[in-house]
Every structure is written in structure tokens, then in C-alpha cells.
Amino acid sequence: MSVLRIDASIQGPRSASSELADAVEAEWSATRPGTTFIRRHLGAEPLSADAWTTAIHGGFTPEEHRTPAQRDAIALARTLADELRRADAAILALPLYNWGVSQHVKTWIDLTVAGGENGERLLDGKPAIVLTTRGGGYGPGTPREGWDHNTAYLRRIVADVWGADLTLIERELTLAGVNPAMEPLLETAALMKKDALEAASQAGRAAAAAAAAPRG
């Protein structure tokens, strides 16, 4: 069994989303020893920002007239699509940045879509766990209610476009303890972290079992 793990945080070892992904992976490995994890870290090794444009232009260019850059971009897009296609499941740690999907995650999504067949459901019926984190609070009644333009988009792509059996785990207030203005929220933030880590562990166990079940 192989699982594709995508991380996207720019926070390195301090990443809240990667911490959740680590919890998923640990439980997955305990449930299904011998699982192979294929890793791609978009935050540490971002894809070229112009790769998608180059791949799209190359797709409309006859093969014999494509530039080396177009051929490379098309090959990259196909590789990214194939990573999802060949995986038995996916763990996607994709935090919110600047109220939306980060540029490097959007590049990955765009290239992956471009690398698949038109309308192809690259994760059709496969378990996919999306772990998304937010520095502040975006719930009903908060000053930033409605400002999260990340989570619904990820749901549309992973579940509706790629066809995955999606589990979504969210954690807010990750900047409590960093931003002095959020000190009154420290207790709430700690509870949110605890709940998210427990949900991640449970999701890892459940998805590992589901991925091993026969699909018919």
C-alpha cells in the first residue's frame, strides 16, 4: 500500500498542519505496517510558479514545436497526476495563508489537474485526509467570519473534482501564544489543538483500514 503525503507549510518544524499529518501517519503506520509513504513538501521545495502556464501553452503546441521548458512542464504535470493516480490514499496538510489557498498549493493543484485526463477523478473512491490550519478564528460571530477562502475550495477539489472519500480536519487559533493579542484565547486554542490531534489519529486508523478494504 502506498500513501501520498503532501505538506505545504512554510513553518518547518513549527508547522501545525504537519504536526497533524504526523499524527495521521503514525496511526496509519501502526494500523498498516509496511505502508509506503510518498512525500512531497510544497513549502520546502515549491514548484515553479510558471510551470502551469508553460504546461498549458505546451499542451496547445504540436509536439514537434514544443520548447524544452514546455516538455519539462508537461512531464511535471503528468508526474504529479500520476502520484495521485497511483496512490492508495492521500494525506494532505494544507494550511490557510492570507485568507486562502497558498500560491504553492494552487500551483500544485493546477499542474495536477492539467496532468490528468479531462475530467479524471484521480482519487476516485480512495481515502484522503485534508488537514488545514488557520492562525486566527473564522467561526460564526468572529471578526473574520467568511474570510476563509481555503477550506471550501480544498473540499471542492479533493472530494468533487478528484473524487476522494474525504475526511477534513481543521484547527484554528494556531497563532495563540505567538501573537500577544491572542493571549485570552490560549485555553481555547489548546483545546482545539487537542481535539484536532485526536481527530487526526482517529482518521489515520480509519483511513488505513478503509484503504485496505476491497473496492468493488
N, C-alpha and C. Protein backbone atom coordinates (compact mmCIF):
# COMPACT_ATOMS: atom_id res chain seq x y z
N MET A 1 0.84 -1.20 0.00
CA MET A 1 0.00 0.00 0.00
C MET A 1 0.87 1.24 0.00
N SER A 2 0.49 2.22 -0.81
CA SER A 2 1.24 3.48 -0.84
C SER A 2 0.30 4.64 -0.54
N VAL A 3 0.81 5.60 0.21
CA VAL A 3 0.06 6.79 0.58
C VAL A 3 0.85 8.01 0.13
N LEU A 4 0.21 8.89 -0.59
CA LEU A 4 0.84 10.15 -0.99
C LEU A 4 0.64 11.17 0.12
N ARG A 5 1.73 11.71 0.65
CA ARG A 5 1.64 12.76 1.67
C ARG A 5 2.16 14.06 1.08
N ILE A 6 1.32 15.08 1.12
CA ILE A 6 1.68 16.42 0.66
C ILE A 6 1.67 17.37 1.84
N ASP A 7 2.79 18.04 2.08
CA ASP A 7 2.87 19.10 3.09
C ASP A 7 3.06 20.43 2.37
N ALA A 8 2.58 21.51 2.97
CA ALA A 8 2.67 22.80 2.31
C ALA A 8 3.06 23.94 3.24
N SER A 9 3.32 23.65 4.50
CA SER A 9 3.64 24.72 5.44
C SER A 9 5.01 25.32 5.15
N ILE A 10 5.14 26.61 5.45
CA ILE A 10 6.44 27.28 5.37
C ILE A 10 7.06 27.43 6.76
N GLN A 11 6.47 26.75 7.75
CA GLN A 11 6.90 26.91 9.14
C GLN A 11 7.91 25.86 9.60
N GLY A 12 8.29 24.95 8.74
CA GLY A 12 9.28 23.94 9.12
C GLY A 12 8.82 23.11 10.30
N PRO A 13 9.70 22.90 11.31
CA PRO A 13 9.34 22.05 12.45
C PRO A 13 8.25 22.66 13.34
N ARG A 14 7.91 23.91 13.14
CA ARG A 14 6.86 24.55 13.93
C ARG A 14 5.49 24.45 13.27
N SER A 15 5.39 23.69 12.20
CA SER A 15 4.16 23.64 11.42
C SER A 15 3.04 22.91 12.17
N ALA A 16 1.90 23.57 12.30
CA ALA A 16 0.73 22.95 12.93
C ALA A 16 0.11 21.92 12.00
N SER A 17 0.07 22.19 10.71
CA SER A 17 -0.55 21.24 9.77
C SER A 17 0.30 19.98 9.64
N SER A 18 1.62 20.13 9.62
CA SER A 18 2.48 18.95 9.54
C SER A 18 2.41 18.12 10.82
N GLU A 19 2.21 18.78 11.95
CA GLU A 19 2.04 18.05 13.20
C GLU A 19 0.81 17.14 13.13
N LEU A 20 -0.26 17.66 12.56
CA LEU A 20 -1.47 16.84 12.39
C LEU A 20 -1.21 15.70 11.41
N ALA A 21 -0.50 15.99 10.33
CA ALA A 21 -0.19 14.95 9.35
C ALA A 21 0.68 13.87 9.97
N ASP A 22 1.60 14.27 10.85
CA ASP A 22 2.44 13.29 11.55
C ASP A 22 1.59 12.35 12.39
N ALA A 23 0.56 12.90 13.03
CA ALA A 23 -0.34 12.07 13.85
C ALA A 23 -1.10 11.08 12.98
N VAL A 24 -1.56 11.55 11.83
CA VAL A 24 -2.25 10.64 10.90
C VAL A 24 -1.30 9.53 10.46
N GLU A 25 -0.10 9.91 10.05
CA GLU A 25 0.86 8.94 9.54
C GLU A 25 1.25 7.92 10.61
N ALA A 26 1.43 8.37 11.84
CA ALA A 26 1.81 7.45 12.92
C ALA A 26 0.75 6.38 13.13
N GLU A 27 -0.51 6.80 13.17
CA GLU A 27 -1.59 5.83 13.37
C GLU A 27 -1.76 4.93 12.16
N TRP A 28 -1.57 5.51 10.96
CA TRP A 28 -1.66 4.72 9.74
C TRP A 28 -0.61 3.62 9.76
N SER A 29 0.62 3.98 10.11
CA SER A 29 1.72 3.01 10.14
C SER A 29 1.47 1.92 11.18
N ALA A 30 0.88 2.31 12.31
CA ALA A 30 0.58 1.33 13.35
C ALA A 30 -0.52 0.36 12.90
N THR A 31 -1.48 0.89 12.14
CA THR A 31 -2.59 0.07 11.67
C THR A 31 -2.19 -0.80 10.49
N ARG A 32 -1.37 -0.23 9.59
CA ARG A 32 -0.94 -0.94 8.38
C ARG A 32 0.58 -0.90 8.28
N PRO A 33 1.28 -1.71 9.08
CA PRO A 33 2.75 -1.73 9.00
C PRO A 33 3.19 -2.07 7.57
N GLY A 34 4.26 -1.43 7.16
CA GLY A 34 4.77 -1.68 5.82
C GLY A 34 4.22 -0.74 4.77
N THR A 35 3.33 0.17 5.16
CA THR A 35 2.83 1.15 4.21
C THR A 35 3.97 2.03 3.71
N THR A 36 3.98 2.30 2.43
CA THR A 36 4.96 3.19 1.83
C THR A 36 4.37 4.59 1.72
N PHE A 37 5.10 5.59 2.22
CA PHE A 37 4.65 6.98 2.14
C PHE A 37 5.49 7.71 1.09
N ILE A 38 4.81 8.21 0.08
CA ILE A 38 5.44 9.02 -0.96
C ILE A 38 5.27 10.47 -0.55
N ARG A 39 6.36 11.21 -0.43
CA ARG A 39 6.29 12.55 0.16
C ARG A 39 6.65 13.64 -0.86
N ARG A 40 5.91 14.72 -0.74
CA ARG A 40 6.22 15.93 -1.50
C ARG A 40 5.94 17.12 -0.58
N HIS A 41 6.94 17.97 -0.37
CA HIS A 41 6.77 19.11 0.52
C HIS A 41 6.81 20.39 -0.32
N LEU A 42 5.63 20.93 -0.54
CA LEU A 42 5.50 22.10 -1.41
C LEU A 42 6.02 23.37 -0.76
N GLY A 43 6.07 23.40 0.58
CA GLY A 43 6.61 24.57 1.26
C GLY A 43 8.12 24.59 1.23
N ALA A 44 8.74 23.42 1.44
CA ALA A 44 10.20 23.34 1.46
C ALA A 44 10.79 23.31 0.05
N GLU A 45 10.08 22.68 -0.88
CA GLU A 45 10.53 22.59 -2.27
C GLU A 45 9.39 22.96 -3.20
N PRO A 46 9.10 24.24 -3.32
CA PRO A 46 7.95 24.67 -4.13
C PRO A 46 8.16 24.40 -5.61
N LEU A 47 7.05 24.15 -6.27
CA LEU A 47 7.07 24.00 -7.72
C LEU A 47 7.23 25.37 -8.37
N SER A 48 7.78 25.39 -9.55
CA SER A 48 7.97 26.65 -10.26
C SER A 48 6.63 27.35 -10.50
N ALA A 49 6.56 28.62 -10.18
CA ALA A 49 5.31 29.36 -10.29
C ALA A 49 4.79 29.46 -11.71
N ASP A 50 5.67 29.36 -12.70
CA ASP A 50 5.22 29.49 -14.09
C ASP A 50 5.07 28.13 -14.78
N ALA A 51 5.21 27.04 -14.03
CA ALA A 51 5.14 25.71 -14.65
C ALA A 51 3.77 25.42 -15.23
N TRP A 52 2.71 25.85 -14.54
CA TRP A 52 1.37 25.56 -15.04
C TRP A 52 1.11 26.28 -16.36
N THR A 53 1.44 27.57 -16.41
CA THR A 53 1.26 28.32 -17.66
C THR A 53 2.04 27.68 -18.80
N THR A 54 3.27 27.28 -18.51
CA THR A 54 4.10 26.66 -19.53
C THR A 54 3.52 25.33 -20.00
N ALA A 55 3.01 24.54 -19.05
CA ALA A 55 2.40 23.26 -19.41
C ALA A 55 1.14 23.44 -20.26
N ILE A 56 0.32 24.41 -19.89
CA ILE A 56 -0.91 24.65 -20.65
C ILE A 56 -0.58 25.11 -22.07
N HIS A 57 0.35 26.05 -22.20
CA HIS A 57 0.73 26.50 -23.54
C HIS A 57 1.34 25.35 -24.34
N GLY A 58 2.13 24.52 -23.66
CA GLY A 58 2.72 23.38 -24.35
C GLY A 58 1.67 22.38 -24.83
N GLY A 59 0.59 22.25 -24.06
CA GLY A 59 -0.47 21.33 -24.45
C GLY A 59 -1.17 21.74 -25.72
N PHE A 60 -1.16 23.03 -26.02
CA PHE A 60 -1.78 23.52 -27.25
C PHE A 60 -0.77 23.70 -28.38
N THR A 61 0.45 23.24 -28.13
CA THR A 61 1.51 23.35 -29.13
C THR A 61 1.81 21.96 -29.68
N PRO A 62 1.89 21.79 -30.98
CA PRO A 62 2.24 20.47 -31.53
C PRO A 62 3.55 19.97 -30.93
N GLU A 63 3.63 18.68 -30.69
CA GLU A 63 4.78 18.07 -30.03
C GLU A 63 6.10 18.51 -30.64
N GLU A 64 6.16 18.52 -31.96
CA GLU A 64 7.43 18.82 -32.62
C GLU A 64 7.85 20.28 -32.47
N HIS A 65 6.91 21.13 -32.04
CA HIS A 65 7.21 22.55 -31.89
C HIS A 65 7.36 22.98 -30.43
N ARG A 66 7.23 22.06 -29.51
CA ARG A 66 7.32 22.42 -28.10
C ARG A 66 8.75 22.77 -27.72
N THR A 67 8.86 23.74 -26.80
CA THR A 67 10.18 24.11 -26.29
C THR A 67 10.59 23.11 -25.21
N PRO A 68 11.87 23.05 -24.87
CA PRO A 68 12.29 22.18 -23.76
C PRO A 68 11.56 22.50 -22.46
N ALA A 69 11.32 23.79 -22.21
CA ALA A 69 10.60 24.17 -20.98
C ALA A 69 9.17 23.64 -21.00
N GLN A 70 8.51 23.67 -22.16
CA GLN A 70 7.16 23.14 -22.27
C GLN A 70 7.14 21.64 -22.06
N ARG A 71 8.10 20.94 -22.61
CA ARG A 71 8.16 19.49 -22.43
C ARG A 71 8.38 19.15 -20.95
N ASP A 72 9.26 19.90 -20.30
CA ASP A 72 9.53 19.65 -18.88
C ASP A 72 8.28 19.91 -18.04
N ALA A 73 7.57 20.99 -18.33
CA ALA A 73 6.38 21.34 -17.56
C ALA A 73 5.27 20.31 -17.76
N ILE A 74 5.10 19.84 -18.98
CA ILE A 74 4.10 18.81 -19.25
C ILE A 74 4.46 17.52 -18.53
N ALA A 75 5.73 17.17 -18.55
CA ALA A 75 6.18 15.97 -17.85
C ALA A 75 5.95 16.09 -16.35
N LEU A 76 6.20 17.28 -15.78
CA LEU A 76 5.96 17.50 -14.36
C LEU A 76 4.48 17.35 -14.03
N ALA A 77 3.62 17.94 -14.84
CA ALA A 77 2.17 17.84 -14.61
C ALA A 77 1.72 16.39 -14.63
N ARG A 78 2.23 15.63 -15.58
CA ARG A 78 1.85 14.21 -15.67
C ARG A 78 2.38 13.42 -14.47
N THR A 79 3.57 13.77 -14.00
CA THR A 79 4.13 13.11 -12.83
C THR A 79 3.27 13.37 -11.59
N LEU A 80 2.85 14.62 -11.40
CA LEU A 80 2.03 14.97 -10.24
C LEU A 80 0.68 14.26 -10.29
N ALA A 81 0.07 14.21 -11.46
CA ALA A 81 -1.20 13.50 -11.60
C ALA A 81 -1.00 12.01 -11.32
N ASP A 82 0.10 11.47 -11.79
CA ASP A 82 0.36 10.05 -11.61
C ASP A 82 0.61 9.71 -10.14
N GLU A 83 1.18 10.64 -9.39
CA GLU A 83 1.38 10.39 -7.96
C GLU A 83 0.05 10.18 -7.25
N LEU A 84 -0.95 10.98 -7.60
CA LEU A 84 -2.28 10.79 -7.02
C LEU A 84 -2.93 9.53 -7.55
N ARG A 85 -2.83 9.32 -8.85
CA ARG A 85 -3.48 8.18 -9.50
C ARG A 85 -2.99 6.85 -8.94
N ARG A 86 -1.70 6.76 -8.68
CA ARG A 86 -1.11 5.50 -8.22
C ARG A 86 -1.24 5.29 -6.72
N ALA A 87 -1.50 6.33 -5.97
CA ALA A 87 -1.59 6.20 -4.51
C ALA A 87 -2.88 5.48 -4.12
N ASP A 88 -2.79 4.73 -3.04
CA ASP A 88 -3.99 4.09 -2.49
C ASP A 88 -4.77 5.05 -1.61
N ALA A 89 -4.12 6.13 -1.18
CA ALA A 89 -4.75 7.13 -0.31
C ALA A 89 -3.85 8.35 -0.26
N ALA A 90 -4.36 9.41 0.35
CA ALA A 90 -3.59 10.66 0.41
C ALA A 90 -3.75 11.33 1.77
N ILE A 91 -2.66 11.92 2.24
CA ILE A 91 -2.65 12.78 3.42
C ILE A 91 -2.19 14.15 2.94
N LEU A 92 -3.05 15.15 3.08
CA LEU A 92 -2.78 16.47 2.51
C LEU A 92 -2.81 17.52 3.61
N ALA A 93 -1.64 18.02 3.99
CA ALA A 93 -1.52 19.03 5.05
C ALA A 93 -1.39 20.40 4.40
N LEU A 94 -2.51 21.13 4.33
CA LEU A 94 -2.57 22.34 3.50
C LEU A 94 -3.13 23.50 4.32
N PRO A 95 -2.28 24.30 4.94
CA PRO A 95 -2.74 25.40 5.78
C PRO A 95 -3.28 26.58 4.98
N LEU A 96 -4.09 27.38 5.64
CA LEU A 96 -4.57 28.65 5.07
C LEU A 96 -3.46 29.69 5.20
N TYR A 97 -3.24 30.44 4.12
CA TYR A 97 -2.33 31.60 4.16
C TYR A 97 -3.02 32.78 3.50
N ASN A 98 -2.95 33.93 4.15
CA ASN A 98 -3.53 35.15 3.58
C ASN A 98 -4.98 34.94 3.15
N TRP A 99 -5.73 34.24 4.01
CA TRP A 99 -7.17 34.02 3.86
C TRP A 99 -7.55 33.09 2.70
N GLY A 100 -6.59 32.37 2.16
CA GLY A 100 -6.93 31.49 1.05
C GLY A 100 -5.93 30.37 0.85
N VAL A 101 -6.01 29.75 -0.32
CA VAL A 101 -5.09 28.69 -0.71
C VAL A 101 -3.75 29.33 -1.06
N SER A 102 -2.67 28.81 -0.53
CA SER A 102 -1.38 29.41 -0.81
C SER A 102 -1.00 29.24 -2.27
N GLN A 103 -0.13 30.12 -2.75
CA GLN A 103 0.28 30.10 -4.15
C GLN A 103 0.92 28.78 -4.52
N HIS A 104 1.74 28.21 -3.63
CA HIS A 104 2.43 26.97 -3.99
C HIS A 104 1.49 25.77 -4.00
N VAL A 105 0.43 25.79 -3.18
CA VAL A 105 -0.57 24.72 -3.23
C VAL A 105 -1.42 24.86 -4.50
N LYS A 106 -1.78 26.09 -4.83
CA LYS A 106 -2.58 26.30 -6.05
C LYS A 106 -1.80 25.86 -7.29
N THR A 107 -0.49 26.12 -7.31
CA THR A 107 0.33 25.67 -8.44
C THR A 107 0.30 24.14 -8.54
N TRP A 108 0.43 23.47 -7.40
CA TRP A 108 0.39 22.01 -7.38
C TRP A 108 -0.96 21.49 -7.89
N ILE A 109 -2.04 22.08 -7.41
CA ILE A 109 -3.37 21.64 -7.84
C ILE A 109 -3.56 21.88 -9.33
N ASP A 110 -3.19 23.06 -9.80
CA ASP A 110 -3.38 23.37 -11.22
C ASP A 110 -2.57 22.43 -12.11
N LEU A 111 -1.33 22.18 -11.73
CA LEU A 111 -0.50 21.28 -12.52
C LEU A 111 -1.05 19.85 -12.48
N THR A 112 -1.52 19.41 -11.33
CA THR A 112 -2.05 18.06 -11.21
C THR A 112 -3.29 17.88 -12.07
N VAL A 113 -4.17 18.87 -12.05
CA VAL A 113 -5.36 18.82 -12.91
C VAL A 113 -4.94 18.78 -14.38
N ALA A 114 -3.96 19.60 -14.73
CA ALA A 114 -3.50 19.65 -16.12
C ALA A 114 -2.87 18.33 -16.55
N GLY A 115 -2.25 17.62 -15.62
CA GLY A 115 -1.57 16.38 -15.95
C GLY A 115 -2.48 15.18 -16.07
N GLY A 116 -3.72 15.29 -15.60
CA GLY A 116 -4.67 14.18 -15.72
C GLY A 116 -5.49 14.27 -16.99
N GLU A 117 -6.27 13.25 -17.24
CA GLU A 117 -7.18 13.28 -18.37
C GLU A 117 -8.34 14.22 -18.05
N ASN A 118 -8.97 14.75 -19.08
CA ASN A 118 -10.07 15.69 -18.88
C ASN A 118 -11.18 15.05 -18.04
N GLY A 119 -11.45 15.64 -16.89
CA GLY A 119 -12.50 15.13 -16.01
C GLY A 119 -12.10 13.92 -15.19
N GLU A 120 -10.83 13.53 -15.21
CA GLU A 120 -10.40 12.34 -14.48
C GLU A 120 -10.48 12.54 -12.97
N ARG A 121 -11.04 11.55 -12.29
CA ARG A 121 -11.14 11.57 -10.83
C ARG A 121 -9.91 10.83 -10.28
N LEU A 122 -8.87 11.57 -10.01
CA LEU A 122 -7.57 10.98 -9.71
C LEU A 122 -7.54 10.20 -8.40
N LEU A 123 -8.46 10.49 -7.49
CA LEU A 123 -8.54 9.78 -6.21
C LEU A 123 -9.88 9.08 -6.06
N ASP A 124 -10.43 8.63 -7.14
CA ASP A 124 -11.79 8.12 -7.16
C ASP A 124 -12.04 7.06 -6.09
N GLY A 125 -12.82 7.41 -5.08
CA GLY A 125 -13.20 6.48 -4.03
C GLY A 125 -12.13 6.18 -3.01
N LYS A 126 -10.97 6.79 -3.12
CA LYS A 126 -9.87 6.50 -2.20
C LYS A 126 -9.92 7.42 -0.98
N PRO A 127 -9.47 6.94 0.18
CA PRO A 127 -9.44 7.82 1.36
C PRO A 127 -8.45 8.96 1.17
N ALA A 128 -8.87 10.15 1.53
CA ALA A 128 -7.98 11.31 1.52
C ALA A 128 -8.28 12.13 2.77
N ILE A 129 -7.24 12.44 3.52
CA ILE A 129 -7.39 13.23 4.74
C ILE A 129 -6.76 14.59 4.48
N VAL A 130 -7.58 15.63 4.54
CA VAL A 130 -7.10 17.00 4.39
C VAL A 130 -7.01 17.61 5.77
N LEU A 131 -5.82 18.13 6.09
CA LEU A 131 -5.57 18.77 7.38
C LEU A 131 -5.27 20.23 7.11
N THR A 132 -6.16 21.10 7.56
CA THR A 132 -5.95 22.51 7.28
C THR A 132 -5.98 23.30 8.59
N THR A 133 -5.10 24.28 8.69
CA THR A 133 -4.93 25.05 9.92
C THR A 133 -5.02 26.54 9.62
N ARG A 134 -5.46 27.28 10.64
CA ARG A 134 -5.64 28.72 10.49
C ARG A 134 -5.11 29.42 11.74
N GLY A 135 -4.38 30.49 11.54
CA GLY A 135 -3.78 31.19 12.66
C GLY A 135 -4.78 31.84 13.58
N GLY A 136 -5.87 32.37 13.00
CA GLY A 136 -6.89 33.05 13.79
C GLY A 136 -8.16 32.25 13.87
N GLY A 137 -9.24 32.94 14.24
CA GLY A 137 -10.56 32.32 14.34
C GLY A 137 -11.46 32.82 13.23
N TYR A 138 -12.16 31.88 12.59
CA TYR A 138 -13.00 32.23 11.44
C TYR A 138 -14.43 31.74 11.59
N GLY A 139 -14.80 31.31 12.79
CA GLY A 139 -16.12 30.76 13.01
C GLY A 139 -17.22 31.81 13.04
N PRO A 140 -18.48 31.37 13.12
CA PRO A 140 -19.61 32.29 13.18
C PRO A 140 -19.47 33.29 14.32
N GLY A 141 -19.70 34.54 14.01
CA GLY A 141 -19.65 35.59 15.01
C GLY A 141 -18.29 36.20 15.24
N THR A 142 -17.25 35.64 14.63
CA THR A 142 -15.90 36.19 14.78
C THR A 142 -15.70 37.32 13.77
N PRO A 143 -14.74 38.21 14.04
CA PRO A 143 -14.48 39.29 13.09
C PRO A 143 -14.08 38.80 11.70
N ARG A 144 -13.52 37.59 11.60
CA ARG A 144 -13.08 37.06 10.32
C ARG A 144 -14.03 36.01 9.76
N GLU A 145 -15.26 35.98 10.24
CA GLU A 145 -16.23 35.06 9.65
C GLU A 145 -16.37 35.35 8.15
N GLY A 146 -16.28 34.31 7.34
CA GLY A 146 -16.41 34.46 5.90
C GLY A 146 -15.11 34.75 5.18
N TRP A 147 -14.02 34.90 5.95
CA TRP A 147 -12.73 35.23 5.33
C TRP A 147 -11.92 33.99 4.94
N ASP A 148 -12.37 32.82 5.32
CA ASP A 148 -11.66 31.59 4.97
C ASP A 148 -12.05 31.19 3.54
N HIS A 149 -11.15 31.47 2.60
CA HIS A 149 -11.38 31.11 1.20
C HIS A 149 -10.53 29.91 0.79
N ASN A 150 -10.16 29.13 1.78
CA ASN A 150 -9.29 27.96 1.57
C ASN A 150 -10.05 26.65 1.70
N THR A 151 -10.79 26.49 2.78
CA THR A 151 -11.34 25.19 3.13
C THR A 151 -12.37 24.70 2.13
N ALA A 152 -13.31 25.53 1.74
CA ALA A 152 -14.34 25.10 0.78
C ALA A 152 -13.71 24.74 -0.56
N TYR A 153 -12.69 25.49 -0.97
CA TYR A 153 -12.01 25.20 -2.23
C TYR A 153 -11.33 23.83 -2.17
N LEU A 154 -10.64 23.53 -1.08
CA LEU A 154 -9.99 22.23 -0.94
C LEU A 154 -11.02 21.10 -0.98
N ARG A 155 -12.16 21.32 -0.34
CA ARG A 155 -13.22 20.31 -0.37
C ARG A 155 -13.69 20.06 -1.81
N ARG A 156 -13.88 21.15 -2.56
CA ARG A 156 -14.34 21.01 -3.96
C ARG A 156 -13.33 20.23 -4.79
N ILE A 157 -12.04 20.55 -4.64
CA ILE A 157 -11.03 19.89 -5.45
C ILE A 157 -10.87 18.42 -5.06
N VAL A 158 -10.63 18.17 -3.78
CA VAL A 158 -10.28 16.81 -3.34
C VAL A 158 -11.48 15.87 -3.45
N ALA A 159 -12.65 16.32 -3.01
CA ALA A 159 -13.82 15.44 -3.00
C ALA A 159 -14.57 15.47 -4.33
N ASP A 160 -14.85 16.65 -4.85
CA ASP A 160 -15.72 16.75 -6.01
C ASP A 160 -14.98 16.57 -7.34
N VAL A 161 -13.80 17.16 -7.46
CA VAL A 161 -13.04 17.05 -8.71
C VAL A 161 -12.27 15.73 -8.76
N TRP A 162 -11.54 15.44 -7.69
CA TRP A 162 -10.71 14.22 -7.68
C TRP A 162 -11.44 13.00 -7.17
N GLY A 163 -12.64 13.18 -6.58
CA GLY A 163 -13.49 12.05 -6.23
C GLY A 163 -13.09 11.28 -4.99
N ALA A 164 -12.30 11.86 -4.10
CA ALA A 164 -11.83 11.14 -2.92
C ALA A 164 -12.94 10.97 -1.89
N ASP A 165 -12.77 9.97 -1.05
CA ASP A 165 -13.57 9.80 0.16
C ASP A 165 -12.90 10.69 1.22
N LEU A 166 -13.40 11.90 1.36
CA LEU A 166 -12.70 12.94 2.09
C LEU A 166 -13.00 12.94 3.58
N THR A 167 -11.92 13.07 4.38
CA THR A 167 -12.03 13.41 5.79
C THR A 167 -11.32 14.75 5.97
N LEU A 168 -12.02 15.74 6.47
CA LEU A 168 -11.47 17.08 6.66
C LEU A 168 -11.28 17.36 8.13
N ILE A 169 -10.06 17.72 8.51
CA ILE A 169 -9.74 18.05 9.91
C ILE A 169 -9.20 19.48 9.95
N GLU A 170 -9.79 20.30 10.79
CA GLU A 170 -9.43 21.72 10.86
C GLU A 170 -8.94 22.07 12.26
N ARG A 171 -7.99 22.99 12.31
CA ARG A 171 -7.54 23.53 13.59
C ARG A 171 -7.37 25.04 13.44
N GLU A 172 -7.94 25.79 14.38
CA GLU A 172 -7.84 27.24 14.36
C GLU A 172 -6.98 27.74 15.54
N LEU A 173 -6.75 29.03 15.54
CA LEU A 173 -6.06 29.75 16.62
C LEU A 173 -4.63 29.24 16.82
N THR A 174 -3.97 28.85 15.75
CA THR A 174 -2.60 28.33 15.88
C THR A 174 -1.60 29.43 16.25
N LEU A 175 -1.98 30.70 16.11
CA LEU A 175 -1.08 31.79 16.47
C LEU A 175 -1.23 32.23 17.92
N ALA A 176 -2.16 31.61 18.64
CA ALA A 176 -2.26 31.89 20.08
C ALA A 176 -0.96 31.43 20.74
N GLY A 177 -0.36 32.29 21.52
CA GLY A 177 0.94 32.01 22.09
C GLY A 177 2.07 32.62 21.29
N VAL A 178 1.74 33.06 20.09
CA VAL A 178 2.70 33.78 19.23
C VAL A 178 2.32 35.24 19.14
N ASN A 179 1.04 35.48 18.90
CA ASN A 179 0.51 36.84 18.82
C ASN A 179 0.01 37.26 20.20
N PRO A 180 0.64 38.28 20.82
CA PRO A 180 0.23 38.69 22.17
C PRO A 180 -1.25 39.06 22.26
N ALA A 181 -1.82 39.59 21.18
CA ALA A 181 -3.23 39.99 21.21
C ALA A 181 -4.16 38.79 21.40
N MET A 182 -3.66 37.58 21.16
CA MET A 182 -4.50 36.38 21.26
C MET A 182 -4.32 35.65 22.58
N GLU A 183 -3.67 36.29 23.55
CA GLU A 183 -3.42 35.63 24.84
C GLU A 183 -4.71 35.17 25.52
N PRO A 184 -5.81 35.94 25.46
CA PRO A 184 -7.05 35.46 26.10
C PRO A 184 -7.59 34.17 25.47
N LEU A 185 -7.09 33.80 24.30
CA LEU A 185 -7.60 32.62 23.60
C LEU A 185 -6.73 31.38 23.80
N LEU A 186 -5.73 31.48 24.68
CA LEU A 186 -4.78 30.38 24.84
C LEU A 186 -5.47 29.08 25.26
N GLU A 187 -6.38 29.14 26.19
CA GLU A 187 -7.05 27.92 26.67
C GLU A 187 -7.89 27.31 25.56
N THR A 188 -8.63 28.15 24.85
CA THR A 188 -9.45 27.66 23.74
C THR A 188 -8.57 27.05 22.66
N ALA A 189 -7.45 27.70 22.38
CA ALA A 189 -6.53 27.20 21.36
C ALA A 189 -5.96 25.84 21.75
N ALA A 190 -5.64 25.67 23.02
CA ALA A 190 -5.10 24.40 23.49
C ALA A 190 -6.12 23.27 23.32
N LEU A 191 -7.38 23.57 23.60
CA LEU A 191 -8.43 22.56 23.42
C LEU A 191 -8.61 22.22 21.95
N MET A 192 -8.55 23.24 21.09
CA MET A 192 -8.66 22.99 19.65
C MET A 192 -7.52 22.11 19.15
N LYS A 193 -6.32 22.36 19.65
CA LYS A 193 -5.17 21.54 19.26
C LYS A 193 -5.38 20.09 19.71
N LYS A 194 -5.80 19.91 20.93
CA LYS A 194 -6.03 18.56 21.47
C LYS A 194 -7.07 17.83 20.63
N ASP A 195 -8.18 18.50 20.34
CA ASP A 195 -9.26 17.87 19.57
C ASP A 195 -8.79 17.52 18.15
N ALA A 196 -8.02 18.42 17.55
CA ALA A 196 -7.56 18.17 16.18
C ALA A 196 -6.58 17.00 16.14
N LEU A 197 -5.69 16.91 17.11
CA LEU A 197 -4.74 15.80 17.14
C LEU A 197 -5.45 14.46 17.36
N GLU A 198 -6.46 14.47 18.21
CA GLU A 198 -7.23 13.24 18.43
C GLU A 198 -7.99 12.86 17.16
N ALA A 199 -8.55 13.85 16.48
CA ALA A 199 -9.27 13.57 15.23
C ALA A 199 -8.32 13.05 14.16
N ALA A 200 -7.11 13.60 14.12
CA ALA A 200 -6.12 13.15 13.14
C ALA A 200 -5.72 11.70 13.39
N SER A 201 -5.50 11.34 14.63
CA SER A 201 -5.14 9.97 14.96
C SER A 201 -6.27 9.01 14.59
N GLN A 202 -7.48 9.39 14.93
CA GLN A 202 -8.64 8.54 14.59
C GLN A 202 -8.79 8.40 13.08
N ALA A 203 -8.58 9.50 12.36
CA ALA A 203 -8.70 9.46 10.90
C ALA A 203 -7.64 8.57 10.28
N GLY A 204 -6.42 8.59 10.85
CA GLY A 204 -5.36 7.73 10.34
C GLY A 204 -5.72 6.27 10.47
N ARG A 205 -6.26 5.88 11.62
CA ARG A 205 -6.67 4.49 11.82
C ARG A 205 -7.79 4.09 10.88
N ALA A 206 -8.80 4.96 10.78
CA ALA A 206 -9.96 4.63 9.96
C ALA A 206 -9.60 4.57 8.49
N ALA A 207 -8.81 5.53 8.01
CA ALA A 207 -8.47 5.55 6.60
C ALA A 207 -7.56 4.40 6.21
N ALA A 208 -6.65 4.00 7.11
CA ALA A 208 -5.79 2.86 6.83
C ALA A 208 -6.62 1.60 6.67
N ALA A 209 -7.62 1.43 7.51
CA ALA A 209 -8.50 0.28 7.39
C ALA A 209 -9.32 0.34 6.10
N ALA A 210 -9.83 1.54 5.78
CA ALA A 210 -10.64 1.69 4.57
C ALA A 210 -9.84 1.46 3.31
N ALA A 211 -8.60 1.94 3.30
CA ALA A 211 -7.78 1.78 2.11
C ALA A 211 -7.45 0.32 1.86
N ALA A 212 -7.40 -0.48 2.93
CA ALA A 212 -7.05 -1.89 2.77
C ALA A 212 -8.26 -2.72 2.36
N ALA A 213 -9.47 -2.17 2.48
CA ALA A 213 -10.67 -2.92 2.15
C ALA A 213 -10.82 -3.06 0.64
N PRO A 214 -11.36 -4.18 0.17
CA PRO A 214 -11.58 -4.35 -1.27
C PRO A 214 -12.52 -3.28 -1.81
N ARG A 215 -12.25 -2.80 -3.01
CA ARG A 215 -13.11 -1.81 -3.67
C ARG A 215 -13.84 -2.50 -4.80
N GLY A 216 -15.16 -2.32 -4.79
CA GLY A 216 -15.92 -3.02 -5.82
C GLY A 216 -17.04 -2.19 -6.36
